[in-house]
Protein backbone atom coordinates (compact mmCIF):
# COMPACT_ATOMS: atom_id res chain seq x y z
CA MET A 1 -152.41 59.28 -202.79
CA PRO A 2 -149.43 61.67 -202.80
CA ALA A 3 -150.15 65.36 -203.09
CA ALA A 4 -149.93 66.85 -206.54
CA PRO A 5 -146.65 68.71 -207.07
CA SER A 6 -146.82 72.45 -207.06
CA PHE A 7 -144.88 74.83 -209.27
CA PHE A 8 -142.88 75.96 -206.26
CA ASP A 9 -141.62 72.44 -205.49
CA LEU A 10 -138.59 73.45 -207.60
CA ALA A 11 -136.98 75.17 -204.64
CA THR A 12 -133.36 74.03 -204.46
CA PRO A 13 -130.41 73.73 -206.84
CA ARG A 14 -130.77 69.93 -206.63
CA ASP A 15 -134.47 70.21 -207.61
CA MET A 16 -133.45 72.17 -210.71
CA LEU A 17 -130.71 69.68 -211.56
CA GLU A 18 -133.23 66.84 -211.36
CA LYS A 19 -135.53 68.84 -213.66
CA ALA A 20 -132.61 69.29 -216.11
CA LYS A 21 -132.05 65.52 -216.01
CA ARG A 22 -135.72 64.96 -216.90
CA GLU A 23 -135.36 67.44 -219.77
CA LEU A 24 -132.30 65.52 -221.01
CA VAL A 25 -134.33 62.29 -221.05
CA ARG A 26 -136.89 64.13 -223.19
CA ILE A 27 -134.16 65.26 -225.62
CA GLU A 28 -132.84 61.72 -225.88
CA GLY A 29 -136.39 60.49 -226.53
CA GLU A 30 -137.28 63.17 -229.06
CA MET A 31 -134.87 65.69 -230.47
CA HIS A 32 -137.31 68.59 -230.56
CA ILE A 33 -136.62 72.30 -230.11
CA ASP A 34 -138.94 72.48 -227.08
CA ASN A 35 -136.91 69.82 -225.28
CA VAL A 36 -133.54 71.33 -226.23
CA TYR A 37 -134.67 74.82 -225.20
CA ASN A 38 -136.11 73.59 -221.89
CA PHE A 39 -132.93 71.70 -221.04
CA TYR A 40 -130.53 74.57 -221.66
CA VAL A 41 -132.66 77.20 -219.94
CA THR A 42 -133.13 74.93 -216.92
CA ALA A 43 -129.47 73.87 -216.77
CA TYR A 44 -128.14 77.40 -217.02
CA HIS A 45 -130.50 78.77 -214.39
CA ILE A 46 -129.50 76.22 -211.74
CA GLN A 47 -127.02 78.95 -210.81
CA ASP A 48 -129.90 81.22 -209.67
CA TYR A 49 -130.87 78.61 -207.09
CA VAL A 50 -127.26 78.22 -205.93
CA ARG A 51 -126.95 82.01 -205.49
CA LYS A 52 -130.14 82.08 -203.41
CA ALA A 53 -129.41 78.93 -201.39
CA ASP A 54 -125.84 79.77 -200.43
CA PRO A 55 -124.55 83.29 -201.16
CA SER A 56 -121.21 82.33 -199.57
CA ARG A 57 -120.48 80.18 -202.66
CA ILE A 58 -120.86 82.93 -205.27
CA ALA A 59 -117.11 83.27 -205.93
CA GLU A 60 -116.82 79.50 -206.31
CA LEU A 61 -119.91 79.52 -208.56
CA GLU A 62 -118.39 82.21 -210.78
CA ARG A 63 -115.23 80.10 -211.23
CA PHE A 64 -117.44 77.08 -212.00
CA LEU A 65 -119.43 79.03 -214.61
CA ALA A 66 -116.19 80.11 -216.31
CA GLN A 67 -115.69 76.54 -217.63
CA GLN A 68 -116.17 76.30 -221.39
CA ASP A 69 -119.08 73.82 -221.20
CA LEU A 70 -120.98 76.15 -218.87
CA LYS A 71 -120.26 79.12 -221.14
CA ASP A 72 -121.59 77.12 -224.10
CA CYS A 73 -124.68 76.30 -222.01
CA ARG A 74 -125.11 80.00 -221.27
CA ASP A 75 -124.82 80.83 -224.97
CA LEU A 76 -127.46 78.25 -225.98
CA CYS A 77 -129.78 79.42 -223.20
CA ASP A 78 -129.38 83.10 -224.03
CA LYS A 79 -129.53 82.56 -227.80
CA GLY A 80 -132.78 80.62 -227.33
CA LYS A 81 -134.29 83.35 -225.17
CA HIS A 82 -133.05 86.42 -227.06
CA LEU A 83 -132.48 85.03 -230.59
CA LYS A 84 -129.31 87.08 -231.00
CA LEU A 85 -126.55 87.82 -228.52
CA THR A 86 -125.82 91.53 -228.61
CA LYS A 87 -123.78 92.32 -225.48
CA LYS A 88 -120.48 93.95 -226.31
CA GLY A 89 -117.67 91.42 -226.38
CA ARG A 90 -120.14 88.51 -226.46
CA PRO A 91 -119.93 86.76 -229.85
CA ASP A 92 -123.14 85.40 -231.34
CA PRO A 93 -122.83 81.63 -231.94
CA GLN A 94 -124.86 79.63 -234.45
CA ALA A 95 -126.99 76.58 -233.83
CA ILE A 96 -127.45 74.18 -236.73
CA VAL A 97 -129.46 71.01 -237.22
CA TYR A 98 -127.87 68.56 -239.65
CA ASP A 99 -130.19 66.03 -241.26
CA ASN A 100 -127.41 63.45 -241.90
CA VAL A 101 -128.62 62.53 -245.37
CA LEU A 102 -127.11 63.38 -248.73
CA SER A 103 -129.08 66.61 -249.01
CA GLY A 104 -126.14 68.96 -248.89
CA ASN A 105 -127.04 70.04 -245.34
CA THR A 106 -124.43 67.91 -243.56
CA PRO A 107 -120.72 68.73 -243.98
CA LEU A 108 -118.83 66.18 -246.07
CA GLY A 109 -117.12 63.58 -243.90
CA SER A 110 -119.23 64.26 -240.80
CA MET A 111 -122.38 62.28 -241.63
CA LYS A 112 -123.47 59.86 -238.90
CA PHE A 113 -124.01 56.26 -240.02
CA ASP A 114 -127.27 55.91 -238.11
CA GLY A 115 -128.77 59.02 -239.75
CA GLY A 116 -131.21 61.16 -237.82
CA LEU A 117 -130.96 64.76 -236.80
CA GLU A 118 -127.81 66.07 -235.22
CA TRP A 119 -127.95 69.38 -233.37
CA VAL A 120 -124.71 71.34 -233.22
CA LEU A 121 -123.65 74.60 -231.65
CA ILE A 122 -121.05 76.40 -233.71
CA THR A 123 -119.28 78.72 -231.32
CA ALA A 124 -117.92 82.11 -232.25
CA ASP A 125 -114.39 80.64 -232.16
CA GLY A 126 -115.39 77.96 -234.68
CA ARG A 127 -115.77 74.95 -232.41
CA TYR A 128 -118.51 72.43 -233.32
CA VAL A 129 -120.23 71.23 -230.14
CA ASP A 130 -122.77 68.38 -230.20
CA VAL A 131 -125.83 69.51 -228.25
CA ILE A 132 -126.47 66.13 -226.55
CA SER A 133 -122.81 65.57 -225.61
CA LEU A 134 -122.73 69.07 -224.16
CA ALA A 135 -125.93 68.39 -222.19
CA LEU A 136 -124.44 65.22 -220.68
CA SER A 137 -121.30 67.11 -219.73
CA ILE A 138 -123.29 69.92 -218.12
CA ILE A 139 -125.27 67.44 -216.02
CA ASN A 140 -121.98 65.89 -214.84
CA HIS A 141 -120.51 69.30 -213.99
CA TRP A 142 -123.56 70.36 -211.97
CA ASP A 143 -123.77 66.96 -210.25
CA LYS A 144 -120.17 67.31 -209.04
CA PHE A 145 -120.63 70.94 -208.00
CA LEU A 146 -123.79 70.24 -206.02
CA SER A 147 -122.47 66.99 -204.54
CA LEU A 148 -119.48 68.87 -203.15
CA ASP A 149 -121.86 71.40 -201.61
CA GLU A 150 -124.01 68.64 -200.10
CA LYS A 151 -120.92 66.82 -198.77
CA ASN A 152 -119.62 70.01 -197.14
CA ALA A 153 -123.05 70.70 -195.62
CA GLY A 154 -123.09 67.19 -194.14
CA GLU A 155 -119.67 67.70 -192.57
CA LYS A 156 -120.80 70.94 -190.93
CA GLU A 157 -123.70 69.23 -189.13
């Protein structure tokens, strides 16, 4: 019988990415605030593990985190943790759940045919960002970033 996992088995950036992927599966299975919150907090904090694992990549990491999808991830993570973003120069986005029925909650012309909840981040600059599409994009970004790191590590050996 394999040993039970310990809390500290999440030790590398790749471990955290795999955890984020599991959280995404949970979101896709049940669109619940716990799952959304867990995904965005996990995905954003992969960077902490990169900083610890390879300090020589911090400049590259900062450029990576400057991508809009990663900034949106940061905003969802921080908004979930702090409820309101208050740092100077950091606009406070909104997060909305549309019910996709004729209740007046969903903007005219944007109702999904299959119904169901739709979670949207409305950024300070007015962009509407689908929470699941953003999550998929973030997973792809981190996968590429970490794969490059793993490829370079393999070449050094």
